Every structure is written in C-alpha cells, then in structure tokens.
C-alpha cells in the first residue's frame, strides 16, 4: 500500500492548531520533528515544549486529494496562509525491521556486547540482548555508553542496585548480565516499564538474580543499596538528591549521567552537602559524574 506524507515547518506557537486542522482534514497521524539543529531535552512528563522551528509530518491515505487538504487547512486560520506545504508518496515498509537493522552489536569496554534481538556475536564476553524497536535506550547514546562503561569497569557482582530512570532497562539488564544480584528498575513512564520487562525476557538470568520493575512510588521505603545509577537529565537530577540520599547506604555510590558540561558546576553546588565527588568522565559534550554518599 502507498501512503501520502504531507509536511510543513511552523513555529511552536501554532503547532496545536495546525495539528488539529490536519486531523480534521483526515490525517491518519501527525508527528513533530526538529526542523533545524536546535537540541531539545524534555526533563519531565509535564514538559510540553517544542522546537522553535518544528517540522510537522502528517500521513494520509493514498486516495486523499492533497491539494484539497492544503486548501482546507489554510482556510482554518489566517496565519496558515503563509505556511508552505509539501507532499509525496510513501511506500509501505516493515518499519520495525528497518529500525532494528540500523543497530549492530557493539562492544562496551572490551567486555560487554550489546546485541540487538535476532543478531549474534561470535566473540566471547558478556552479551546483553536488546530490542531496538522498543526505544528508550539502545546503548548508542553517549550517556548510556558512559554508564555501561562504568558498570563494565567496576565490580557489581552480587550488588543490589537501583536504576533510576530505567528507560529500556538497558543499564539494569547490563548490571545483571555482569553479575548483580537485585535490580530495582524505576521509571515514571509506563512505556519504559513495559520496554524494560520486554527486554528482560530476552536475557536469561540465574534464579539467584532478581529484576523488579516499578514506578518510583512503588519502591519500598526500606530499600537501601550500595549503588544507584541515574541516567536522566540535569533538572530531575537536581530534584532527586534527597531520594538518592535516602536510598544509598553510607559510602554508597551514585553514578549519574544525562548531564552536559555546563551542568557540572551546578551539580557540584547541589550535591556536595551530602556527597563526595569521586570522578567525572566526558564523552563529546556529555558528562558522567560519580558521587560517594557521606
């Protein structure tokens, strides 16, 4: 089947209106993309910001007359008159397969293979299976790589660990592959919990190991661990300091990433009251910081 894809670039202040107009004209779906190189990091579920210049992409059935759609959208609001629309045919594809084919097995710190589901590696070492179609973390982003490298370079055997902001579960599952005992995979996003559970089924663990996937408020008050890993972003990391203080035993380590270089001094001012800084590692513009609970 062939579809039609209509796109335009608009400012963030009219996104909702133009999305509504496209849906009224029969769009089957509407998505937003960056129209330039402006970075945008949403730091919590209530953050509804978009790029200053956003590309709007709408999908239509092949039978729809796109000239009539454009005319109808422009008639909805005067400011739409100056919007330039473009459309083209889009052939049906196996999008999940295409997404998965973008990822190849990668070796972390000469120790751990992160391998997409359906692929295998001939070399020895620890192997972690991930379904890249589930998103939320495939090991390719610098912050995830920094955390994976740290886990590979430190002894996590038999440790109880909290993975705060678990996403796809990649860090939790990597720690279990490397010998950790219990992983508490915590996230506010239900889809992240679903992805973590799904990825866990791809990896066989021993009966002595345990993965618990949950929302933050479901984590028992008496859970205290020697290691917390938090690959999130700067703003939630600032707000979570008391949670980390509560969850770490004295002398326990906090490994945080999702930071950019300009965030480091701010993190130091926030965390040094309760933590001693152990180290900093930088990959491109991204930073991993390690703290020891006082």
C-alpha atoms as a PDB file:
ATOM      1  CA  UNK A   1       0.000   0.000   0.000  1.00  0.00           C
ATOM      2  CA  UNK A   2       1.165   3.539  -0.782  1.00  0.00           C
ATOM      3  CA  UNK A   3       0.509   6.398   1.616  1.00  0.00           C
ATOM      4  CA  UNK A   4       0.915  10.145   1.236  1.00  0.00           C
ATOM      5  CA  UNK A   5       3.029  12.251   3.565  1.00  0.00           C
ATOM      6  CA  UNK A   6       2.360  15.967   3.943  1.00  0.00           C
ATOM      7  CA  UNK A   7       4.848  18.188   5.738  1.00  0.00           C
ATOM      8  CA  UNK A   8       5.406  21.816   6.668  1.00  0.00           C
ATOM      9  CA  UNK A   9       7.642  23.824   9.009  1.00  0.00           C
ATOM     10  CA  UNK A  10       5.957  26.097  11.549  1.00  0.00           C
ATOM     11  CA  UNK A  11       6.704  27.951  14.773  1.00  0.00           C
ATOM     12  CA  UNK A  12       5.931  26.262  18.087  1.00  0.00           C
ATOM     13  CA  UNK A  13       3.058  28.632  18.933  1.00  0.00           C
ATOM     14  CA  UNK A  14       0.759  27.274  16.197  1.00  0.00           C
ATOM     15  CA  UNK A  15       1.600  23.573  16.451  1.00  0.00           C
ATOM     16  CA  UNK A  16      -1.546  22.547  18.284  1.00  0.00           C
ATOM     17  CA  UNK A  17      -3.797  24.448  15.887  1.00  0.00           C
ATOM     18  CA  UNK A  18      -2.178  23.079  12.734  1.00  0.00           C
ATOM     19  CA  UNK A  19      -2.197  19.553  14.127  1.00  0.00           C
ATOM     20  CA  UNK A  20      -5.919  19.896  14.810  1.00  0.00           C
ATOM     21  CA  UNK A  21      -6.547  21.233  11.317  1.00  0.00           C
ATOM     22  CA  UNK A  22      -4.665  18.323   9.718  1.00  0.00           C
ATOM     23  CA  UNK A  23      -6.600  15.776  11.758  1.00  0.00           C
ATOM     24  CA  UNK A  24      -9.876  17.471  10.787  1.00  0.00           C
ATOM     25  CA  UNK A  25      -8.846  17.104   7.131  1.00  0.00           C
ATOM     26  CA  UNK A  26      -8.372  13.352   7.544  1.00  0.00           C
ATOM     27  CA  UNK A  27      -4.766  12.860   8.650  1.00  0.00           C
ATOM     28  CA  UNK A  28      -4.229   9.345   9.974  1.00  0.00           C
ATOM     29  CA  UNK A  29      -1.342  10.504  12.161  1.00  0.00           C
ATOM     30  CA  UNK A  30       0.687  13.644  12.854  1.00  0.00           C
ATOM     31  CA  UNK A  31       4.222  13.756  14.207  1.00  0.00           C
ATOM     32  CA  UNK A  32       6.666  16.540  15.063  1.00  0.00           C
ATOM     33  CA  UNK A  33      10.379  16.670  14.234  1.00  0.00           C
ATOM     34  CA  UNK A  34      13.194  19.173  14.657  1.00  0.00           C
ATOM     35  CA  UNK A  35      13.404  21.421  11.610  1.00  0.00           C
ATOM     36  CA  UNK A  36      16.957  22.534  12.452  1.00  0.00           C
ATOM     37  CA  UNK A  37      19.780  21.507  14.778  1.00  0.00           C
ATOM     38  CA  UNK A  38      18.263  23.029  17.920  1.00  0.00           C
ATOM     39  CA  UNK A  39      18.533  20.495  20.782  1.00  0.00           C
ATOM     40  CA  UNK A  40      15.507  19.872  22.971  1.00  0.00           C
ATOM     41  CA  UNK A  41      15.596  17.763  26.116  1.00  0.00           C
ATOM     42  CA  UNK A  42      12.316  17.177  27.900  1.00  0.00           C
ATOM     43  CA  UNK A  43      13.162  16.715  31.549  1.00  0.00           C
ATOM     44  CA  UNK A  44       9.822  15.558  32.931  1.00  0.00           C
ATOM     45  CA  UNK A  45       6.453  14.276  31.730  1.00  0.00           C
ATOM     46  CA  UNK A  46       4.832  17.716  32.133  1.00  0.00           C
ATOM     47  CA  UNK A  47       7.363  19.418  29.848  1.00  0.00           C
ATOM     48  CA  UNK A  48       5.412  20.288  26.676  1.00  0.00           C
ATOM     49  CA  UNK A  49       7.993  22.434  24.893  1.00  0.00           C
ATOM     50  CA  UNK A  50       8.699  22.025  21.175  1.00  0.00           C
ATOM     51  CA  UNK A  51      11.393  23.325  18.860  1.00  0.00           C
ATOM     52  CA  UNK A  52      11.138  26.975  17.800  1.00  0.00           C
ATOM     53  CA  UNK A  53      11.006  25.703  14.228  1.00  0.00           C
ATOM     54  CA  UNK A  54       9.155  22.389  14.112  1.00  0.00           C
ATOM     55  CA  UNK A  55       8.573  20.137  11.120  1.00  0.00           C
ATOM     56  CA  UNK A  56       5.030  18.768  11.085  1.00  0.00           C
ATOM     57  CA  UNK A  57       4.561  15.494   9.195  1.00  0.00           C
ATOM     58  CA  UNK A  58       1.060  14.132   8.526  1.00  0.00           C
ATOM     59  CA  UNK A  59       0.150  10.758   6.999  1.00  0.00           C
ATOM     60  CA  UNK A  60      -2.806  10.427   4.618  1.00  0.00           C
ATOM     61  CA  UNK A  61      -4.448   7.649   2.653  1.00  0.00           C
ATOM     62  CA  UNK A  62      -3.398   7.432  -0.988  1.00  0.00           C
ATOM     63  CA  UNK A  63      -6.902   8.283  -2.196  1.00  0.00           C
ATOM     64  CA  UNK A  64      -6.979  11.686  -0.477  1.00  0.00           C
ATOM     65  CA  UNK A  65      -6.615  14.750  -2.713  1.00  0.00           C
ATOM     66  CA  UNK A  66      -3.721  16.604  -1.081  1.00  0.00           C
ATOM     67  CA  UNK A  67      -4.422  19.901  -2.858  1.00  0.00           C
ATOM     68  CA  UNK A  68      -7.865  19.931  -1.251  1.00  0.00           C
ATOM     69  CA  UNK A  69      -6.314  19.078   2.146  1.00  0.00           C
ATOM     70  CA  UNK A  70      -3.886  22.003   1.912  1.00  0.00           C
ATOM     71  CA  UNK A  71      -6.639  24.365   0.853  1.00  0.00           C
ATOM     72  CA  UNK A  72      -8.788  23.177   3.751  1.00  0.00           C
ATOM     73  CA  UNK A  73      -6.007  23.602   6.309  1.00  0.00           C
ATOM     74  CA  UNK A  74      -5.175  27.110   5.094  1.00  0.00           C
ATOM     75  CA  UNK A  75      -8.816  28.120   5.394  1.00  0.00           C
ATOM     76  CA  UNK A  76      -8.826  27.264   9.126  1.00  0.00           C
ATOM     77  CA  UNK A  77      -6.718  30.205  10.258  1.00  0.00           C
ATOM     78  CA  UNK A  78      -5.307  33.333   8.639  1.00  0.00           C
ATOM     79  CA  UNK A  79      -1.752  32.629   9.844  1.00  0.00           C
ATOM     80  CA  UNK A  80      -1.790  29.295   7.958  1.00  0.00           C
ATOM     81  CA  UNK A  81      -1.938  31.146   4.642  1.00  0.00           C
ATOM     82  CA  UNK A  82       1.835  31.702   4.653  1.00  0.00           C
ATOM     83  CA  UNK A  83       2.723  28.116   5.557  1.00  0.00           C
ATOM     84  CA  UNK A  84       4.403  26.142   2.761  1.00  0.00           C
ATOM     85  CA  UNK A  85       3.178  22.572   2.383  1.00  0.00           C
ATOM     86  CA  UNK A  86       4.885  19.734   0.517  1.00  0.00           C
ATOM     87  CA  UNK A  87       3.729  16.186  -0.045  1.00  0.00           C
ATOM     88  CA  UNK A  88       4.984  12.945  -1.551  1.00  0.00           C
ATOM     89  CA  UNK A  89       4.128   9.255  -1.751  1.00  0.00           C
ATOM     90  CA  UNK A  90       5.334   6.904   0.977  1.00  0.00           C
ATOM     91  CA  UNK A  91       5.541   3.184   0.206  1.00  0.00           C
ATOM     92  CA  UNK A  92       4.569   0.624   2.824  1.00  0.00           C
ATOM     93  CA  UNK A  93       7.599  -0.812   4.654  1.00  0.00           C
ATOM     94  CA  UNK A  94       8.389  -3.048   7.594  1.00  0.00           C
ATOM     95  CA  UNK A  95       9.275  -0.138   9.865  1.00  0.00           C
ATOM     96  CA  UNK A  96      10.185  -2.299  12.873  1.00  0.00           C
ATOM     97  CA  UNK A  97      12.638  -4.331  10.773  1.00  0.00           C
ATOM     98  CA  UNK A  98      14.144  -1.190   9.249  1.00  0.00           C
ATOM     99  CA  UNK A  99      14.601   0.315  12.716  1.00  0.00           C
ATOM    100  CA  UNK A 100      16.274  -2.806  14.027  1.00  0.00           C
ATOM    101  CA  UNK A 101      18.627  -3.008  11.042  1.00  0.00           C
ATOM    102  CA  UNK A 102      20.068   0.399  11.970  1.00  0.00           C
ATOM    103  CA  UNK A 103      21.720  -1.170  15.023  1.00  0.00           C
ATOM    104  CA  UNK A 104      24.633  -3.575  15.032  1.00  0.00           C
ATOM    105  CA  UNK A 105      26.186  -5.372  18.010  1.00  0.00           C
ATOM    106  CA  UNK A 106      28.562  -3.078  19.893  1.00  0.00           C
ATOM    107  CA  UNK A 107      31.199  -3.974  22.437  1.00  0.00           C
ATOM    108  CA  UNK A 108      31.463  -1.879  25.594  1.00  0.00           C
ATOM    109  CA  UNK A 109      34.782  -1.518  27.419  1.00  0.00           C
ATOM    110  CA  UNK A 110      36.108  -4.677  25.743  1.00  0.00           C
ATOM    111  CA  UNK A 111      33.800  -6.694  27.995  1.00  0.00           C
ATOM    112  CA  UNK A 112      30.082  -6.429  27.260  1.00  0.00           C
ATOM    113  CA  UNK A 113      28.290  -6.905  23.948  1.00  0.00           C
ATOM    114  CA  UNK A 114      25.027  -5.014  23.464  1.00  0.00           C
ATOM    115  CA  UNK A 115      23.349  -7.086  20.799  1.00  0.00           C
ATOM    116  CA  UNK A 116      20.035  -6.371  19.027  1.00  0.00           C
ATOM    117  CA  UNK A 117      17.465  -9.132  19.204  1.00  0.00           C
ATOM    118  CA  UNK A 118      17.860 -11.552  16.293  1.00  0.00           C
ATOM    119  CA  UNK A 119      21.600 -10.949  15.947  1.00  0.00           C
ATOM    120  CA  UNK A 120      24.516 -12.817  17.491  1.00  0.00           C
ATOM    121  CA  UNK A 121      28.214 -12.305  18.178  1.00  0.00           C
ATOM    122  CA  UNK A 122      30.983 -14.827  17.607  1.00  0.00           C
ATOM    123  CA  UNK A 123      33.446 -13.345  20.080  1.00  0.00           C
ATOM    124  CA  UNK A 124      33.436 -14.183  23.770  1.00  0.00           C
ATOM    125  CA  UNK A 125      32.331 -11.916  26.570  1.00  0.00           C
ATOM    126  CA  UNK A 126      29.120 -10.948  28.268  1.00  0.00           C
ATOM    127  CA  UNK A 127      26.129 -10.498  25.935  1.00  0.00           C
ATOM    128  CA  UNK A 128      23.093  -8.292  26.549  1.00  0.00           C
ATOM    129  CA  UNK A 129      20.131  -8.642  24.164  1.00  0.00           C
ATOM    130  CA  UNK A 130      18.017  -5.564  23.418  1.00  0.00           C
ATOM    131  CA  UNK A 131      15.046  -4.979  21.138  1.00  0.00           C
ATOM    132  CA  UNK A 132      15.947  -1.656  19.449  1.00  0.00           C
ATOM    133  CA  UNK A 133      12.363  -1.212  18.273  1.00  0.00           C
ATOM    134  CA  UNK A 134      11.344  -0.575  21.898  1.00  0.00           C
ATOM    135  CA  UNK A 135      13.366   2.682  22.003  1.00  0.00           C
ATOM    136  CA  UNK A 136      14.232   4.412  25.309  1.00  0.00           C
ATOM    137  CA  UNK A 137      17.859   3.307  25.069  1.00  0.00           C
ATOM    138  CA  UNK A 138      19.879   1.077  22.753  1.00  0.00           C
ATOM    139  CA  UNK A 139      23.377   1.836  24.011  1.00  0.00           C
ATOM    140  CA  UNK A 140      24.302   4.201  21.189  1.00  0.00           C
ATOM    141  CA  UNK A 141      23.862   7.494  23.057  1.00  0.00           C
ATOM    142  CA  UNK A 142      26.921   8.906  24.816  1.00  0.00           C
ATOM    143  CA  UNK A 143      25.298   8.990  28.258  1.00  0.00           C
ATOM    144  CA  UNK A 144      24.244   5.344  28.037  1.00  0.00           C
ATOM    145  CA  UNK A 145      27.707   4.365  26.846  1.00  0.00           C
ATOM    146  CA  UNK A 146      29.294   6.237  29.749  1.00  0.00           C
ATOM    147  CA  UNK A 147      27.124   4.334  32.239  1.00  0.00           C
ATOM    148  CA  UNK A 148      27.706   0.983  30.523  1.00  0.00           C
ATOM    149  CA  UNK A 149      31.454   1.577  30.522  1.00  0.00           C
ATOM    150  CA  UNK A 150      31.400   2.403  34.226  1.00  0.00           C
ATOM    151  CA  UNK A 151      29.459  -0.793  35.015  1.00  0.00           C
ATOM    152  CA  UNK A 152      31.927  -2.839  32.977  1.00  0.00           C
ATOM    153  CA  UNK A 153      34.924  -1.296  34.732  1.00  0.00           C
ATOM    154  CA  UNK A 154      33.673  -1.861  38.288  1.00  0.00           C
ATOM    155  CA  UNK A 155      32.740  -4.963  40.254  1.00  0.00           C
ATOM    156  CA  UNK A 156      28.945  -5.197  40.510  1.00  0.00           C
ATOM    157  CA  UNK A 157      28.788  -8.917  41.326  1.00  0.00           C
ATOM    158  CA  UNK A 158      26.130  -9.684  43.959  1.00  0.00           C
ATOM    159  CA  UNK A 159      25.238  -5.989  44.389  1.00  0.00           C
ATOM    160  CA  UNK A 160      21.726  -4.644  44.887  1.00  0.00           C
ATOM    161  CA  UNK A 161      21.308  -1.655  42.559  1.00  0.00           C
ATOM    162  CA  UNK A 162      18.666   0.964  41.773  1.00  0.00           C
ATOM    163  CA  UNK A 163      18.444   2.097  38.141  1.00  0.00           C
ATOM    164  CA  UNK A 164      16.572   5.385  38.429  1.00  0.00           C
ATOM    165  CA  UNK A 165      15.019   6.358  35.099  1.00  0.00           C
ATOM    166  CA  UNK A 166      15.493   2.899  33.616  1.00  0.00           C
ATOM    167  CA  UNK A 167      14.114   3.614  30.124  1.00  0.00           C
ATOM    168  CA  UNK A 168      14.576   0.447  28.059  1.00  0.00           C
ATOM    169  CA  UNK A 169      16.128  -1.282  31.061  1.00  0.00           C
ATOM    170  CA  UNK A 170      19.489  -1.439  29.340  1.00  0.00           C
ATOM    171  CA  UNK A 171      21.531  -0.437  32.413  1.00  0.00           C
ATOM    172  CA  UNK A 172      19.580  -2.711  34.751  1.00  0.00           C
ATOM    173  CA  UNK A 173      19.948  -5.652  32.415  1.00  0.00           C
ATOM    174  CA  UNK A 174      23.626  -4.915  31.779  1.00  0.00           C
ATOM    175  CA  UNK A 175      24.281  -4.943  35.526  1.00  0.00           C
ATOM    176  CA  UNK A 176      22.501  -8.297  35.849  1.00  0.00           C
ATOM    177  CA  UNK A 177      24.487  -9.737  32.935  1.00  0.00           C
ATOM    178  CA  UNK A 178      27.626  -8.575  34.747  1.00  0.00           C
ATOM    179  CA  UNK A 179      26.579 -10.407  37.915  1.00  0.00           C
ATOM    180  CA  UNK A 180      24.493  -8.024  40.027  1.00  0.00           C
ATOM    181  CA  UNK A 181      22.019  -9.673  42.408  1.00  0.00           C
ATOM    182  CA  UNK A 182      18.932  -7.429  42.529  1.00  0.00           C
ATOM    183  CA  UNK A 183      17.999  -4.558  40.217  1.00  0.00           C
ATOM    184  CA  UNK A 184      15.240  -2.111  41.039  1.00  0.00           C
ATOM    185  CA  UNK A 185      14.377  -0.595  37.644  1.00  0.00           C
ATOM    186  CA  UNK A 186      12.422   2.605  38.338  1.00  0.00           C
ATOM    187  CA  UNK A 187      10.738   4.982  35.900  1.00  0.00           C
ATOM    188  CA  UNK A 188       7.804   7.438  35.801  1.00  0.00           C
ATOM    189  CA  UNK A 189       6.910   6.400  32.232  1.00  0.00           C
ATOM    190  CA  UNK A 190       4.723   3.320  31.885  1.00  0.00           C
ATOM    191  CA  UNK A 191       6.100   2.639  28.394  1.00  0.00           C
ATOM    192  CA  UNK A 192       9.603   2.481  29.867  1.00  0.00           C
ATOM    193  CA  UNK A 193       8.470  -0.168  32.342  1.00  0.00           C
ATOM    194  CA  UNK A 194       6.872  -2.171  29.525  1.00  0.00           C
ATOM    195  CA  UNK A 195      10.075  -1.922  27.464  1.00  0.00           C
ATOM    196  CA  UNK A 196      12.225  -2.984  30.430  1.00  0.00           C
ATOM    197  CA  UNK A 197      10.100  -6.058  31.095  1.00  0.00           C
ATOM    198  CA  UNK A 198      10.080  -6.990  27.427  1.00  0.00           C
ATOM    199  CA  UNK A 199      13.853  -6.689  27.096  1.00  0.00           C
ATOM    200  CA  UNK A 200      14.331  -8.704  30.279  1.00  0.00           C
ATOM    201  CA  UNK A 201      12.661 -11.690  28.597  1.00  0.00           C
ATOM    202  CA  UNK A 202      15.456 -11.727  26.009  1.00  0.00           C
ATOM    203  CA  UNK A 203      18.124 -12.301  28.654  1.00  0.00           C
ATOM    204  CA  UNK A 204      18.325 -15.447  30.802  1.00  0.00           C
ATOM    205  CA  UNK A 205      19.347 -14.792  34.394  1.00  0.00           C
ATOM    206  CA  UNK A 206      20.032 -17.146  37.268  1.00  0.00           C
ATOM    207  CA  UNK A 207      17.433 -17.939  39.908  1.00  0.00           C
ATOM    208  CA  UNK A 208      19.522 -16.015  42.439  1.00  0.00           C
ATOM    209  CA  UNK A 209      19.115 -12.792  40.412  1.00  0.00           C
ATOM    210  CA  UNK A 210      16.079 -10.552  40.529  1.00  0.00           C
ATOM    211  CA  UNK A 211      14.732  -7.682  38.410  1.00  0.00           C
ATOM    212  CA  UNK A 212      11.949  -5.566  39.891  1.00  0.00           C
ATOM    213  CA  UNK A 213      10.396  -3.019  37.512  1.00  0.00           C
ATOM    214  CA  UNK A 214       8.215  -0.317  39.046  1.00  0.00           C
ATOM    215  CA  UNK A 215       7.067   3.276  39.346  1.00  0.00           C
ATOM    216  CA  UNK A 216       9.096   5.317  41.864  1.00  0.00           C
ATOM    217  CA  UNK A 217       6.348   5.406  44.491  1.00  0.00           C
ATOM    218  CA  UNK A 218       6.168   1.600  44.449  1.00  0.00           C
ATOM    219  CA  UNK A 219       9.749   1.271  45.677  1.00  0.00           C
ATOM    220  CA  UNK A 220       9.611   0.105  49.283  1.00  0.00           C
ATOM    221  CA  UNK A 221      10.776   2.641  51.874  1.00  0.00           C
ATOM    222  CA  UNK A 222      13.251   0.176  53.361  1.00  0.00           C
ATOM    223  CA  UNK A 223      15.165  -0.416  50.109  1.00  0.00           C
ATOM    224  CA  UNK A 224      18.720   0.884  50.570  1.00  0.00           C
ATOM    225  CA  UNK A 225      21.508  -0.083  48.193  1.00  0.00           C
ATOM    226  CA  UNK A 226      25.268   0.409  47.700  1.00  0.00           C
ATOM    227  CA  UNK A 227      24.836   1.669  44.127  1.00  0.00           C
ATOM    228  CA  UNK A 228      22.361   3.925  42.315  1.00  0.00           C
ATOM    229  CA  UNK A 229      22.646   4.571  38.581  1.00  0.00           C
ATOM    230  CA  UNK A 230      20.680   7.534  37.203  1.00  0.00           C
ATOM    231  CA  UNK A 231      20.918   8.339  33.505  1.00  0.00           C
ATOM    232  CA  UNK A 232      18.353  11.134  33.299  1.00  0.00           C
ATOM    233  CA  UNK A 233      18.866  14.892  32.763  1.00  0.00           C
ATOM    234  CA  UNK A 234      20.130  17.763  34.885  1.00  0.00           C
ATOM    235  CA  UNK A 235      16.842  19.171  36.210  1.00  0.00           C
ATOM    236  CA  UNK A 236      15.392  15.925  37.594  1.00  0.00           C
ATOM    237  CA  UNK A 237      18.821  15.009  38.991  1.00  0.00           C
ATOM    238  CA  UNK A 238      18.818  18.253  40.981  1.00  0.00           C
ATOM    239  CA  UNK A 239      15.390  17.450  42.422  1.00  0.00           C
ATOM    240  CA  UNK A 240      16.190  13.819  43.239  1.00  0.00           C
ATOM    241  CA  UNK A 241      19.061  14.441  45.649  1.00  0.00           C
ATOM    242  CA  UNK A 242      17.038  13.647  48.785  1.00  0.00           C
ATOM    243  CA  UNK A 243      15.718  10.465  47.190  1.00  0.00           C
ATOM    244  CA  UNK A 244      19.271   9.351  46.441  1.00  0.00           C
ATOM    245  CA  UNK A 245      20.414  10.238  49.967  1.00  0.00           C
ATOM    246  CA  UNK A 246      17.580   8.084  51.317  1.00  0.00           C
ATOM    247  CA  UNK A 247      18.269   5.145  49.025  1.00  0.00           C
ATOM    248  CA  UNK A 248      22.058   4.889  49.369  1.00  0.00           C
ATOM    249  CA  UNK A 249      23.813   3.297  52.318  1.00  0.00           C
ATOM    250  CA  UNK A 250      26.647   5.407  53.817  1.00  0.00           C
ATOM    251  CA  UNK A 251      29.604   5.090  51.478  1.00  0.00           C
ATOM    252  CA  UNK A 252      27.340   4.017  48.623  1.00  0.00           C
ATOM    253  CA  UNK A 253      27.976   5.263  45.095  1.00  0.00           C
ATOM    254  CA  UNK A 254      25.764   7.371  42.856  1.00  0.00           C
ATOM    255  CA  UNK A 255      26.577   7.194  39.142  1.00  0.00           C
ATOM    256  CA  UNK A 256      24.742   9.956  37.284  1.00  0.00           C
ATOM    257  CA  UNK A 257      24.699  10.882  33.629  1.00  0.00           C
ATOM    258  CA  UNK A 258      22.471  12.771  31.214  1.00  0.00           C
ATOM    259  CA  UNK A 259      24.466  15.879  32.102  1.00  0.00           C
ATOM    260  CA  UNK A 260      26.149  18.326  29.764  1.00  0.00           C
ATOM    261  CA  UNK A 261      29.427  20.046  30.546  1.00  0.00           C
ATOM    262  CA  UNK A 262      27.706  23.278  31.568  1.00  0.00           C
ATOM    263  CA  UNK A 263      25.745  21.346  34.239  1.00  0.00           C
ATOM    264  CA  UNK A 264      28.786  20.134  36.199  1.00  0.00           C
ATOM    265  CA  UNK A 265      29.320  23.150  38.458  1.00  0.00           C
ATOM    266  CA  UNK A 266      25.619  23.289  39.276  1.00  0.00           C
ATOM    267  CA  UNK A 267      25.601  19.603  40.237  1.00  0.00           C
ATOM    268  CA  UNK A 268      28.597  20.172  42.478  1.00  0.00           C
ATOM    269  CA  UNK A 269      26.860  23.010  44.304  1.00  0.00           C
ATOM    270  CA  UNK A 270      23.777  20.839  44.859  1.00  0.00           C
ATOM    271  CA  UNK A 271      25.361  17.501  45.776  1.00  0.00           C
ATOM    272  CA  UNK A 272      28.430  18.360  47.822  1.00  0.00           C
ATOM    273  CA  UNK A 273      26.377  18.793  51.005  1.00  0.00           C
ATOM    274  CA  UNK A 274      25.661  15.053  51.135  1.00  0.00           C
ATOM    275  CA  UNK A 275      28.144  13.504  48.718  1.00  0.00           C
ATOM    276  CA  UNK A 276      31.862  13.472  47.998  1.00  0.00           C
ATOM    277  CA  UNK A 277      32.806  13.713  44.342  1.00  0.00           C
ATOM    278  CA  UNK A 278      34.620  10.601  43.140  1.00  0.00           C
ATOM    279  CA  UNK A 279      35.139  11.304  39.465  1.00  0.00           C
ATOM    280  CA  UNK A 280      33.991  12.875  36.206  1.00  0.00           C
ATOM    281  CA  UNK A 281      34.173  11.432  32.709  1.00  0.00           C
ATOM    282  CA  UNK A 282      33.288  13.269  29.494  1.00  0.00           C
ATOM    283  CA  UNK A 283      32.251  11.843  26.124  1.00  0.00           C
ATOM    284  CA  UNK A 284      31.767  14.502  23.479  1.00  0.00           C
ATOM    285  CA  UNK A 285      29.617  17.130  25.251  1.00  0.00           C
ATOM    286  CA  UNK A 286      28.053  14.669  27.720  1.00  0.00           C
ATOM    287  CA  UNK A 287      29.214  14.011  31.271  1.00  0.00           C
ATOM    288  CA  UNK A 288      29.121  11.194  33.824  1.00  0.00           C
ATOM    289  CA  UNK A 289      29.675  12.075  37.475  1.00  0.00           C
ATOM    290  CA  UNK A 290      30.291   9.642  40.336  1.00  0.00           C
ATOM    291  CA  UNK A 291      29.488  10.543  43.937  1.00  0.00           C
ATOM    292  CA  UNK A 292      30.070   8.796  47.275  1.00  0.00           C
ATOM    293  CA  UNK A 293      27.420   9.098  49.995  1.00  0.00           C
ATOM    294  CA  UNK A 294      28.887  10.766  53.073  1.00  0.00           C
END
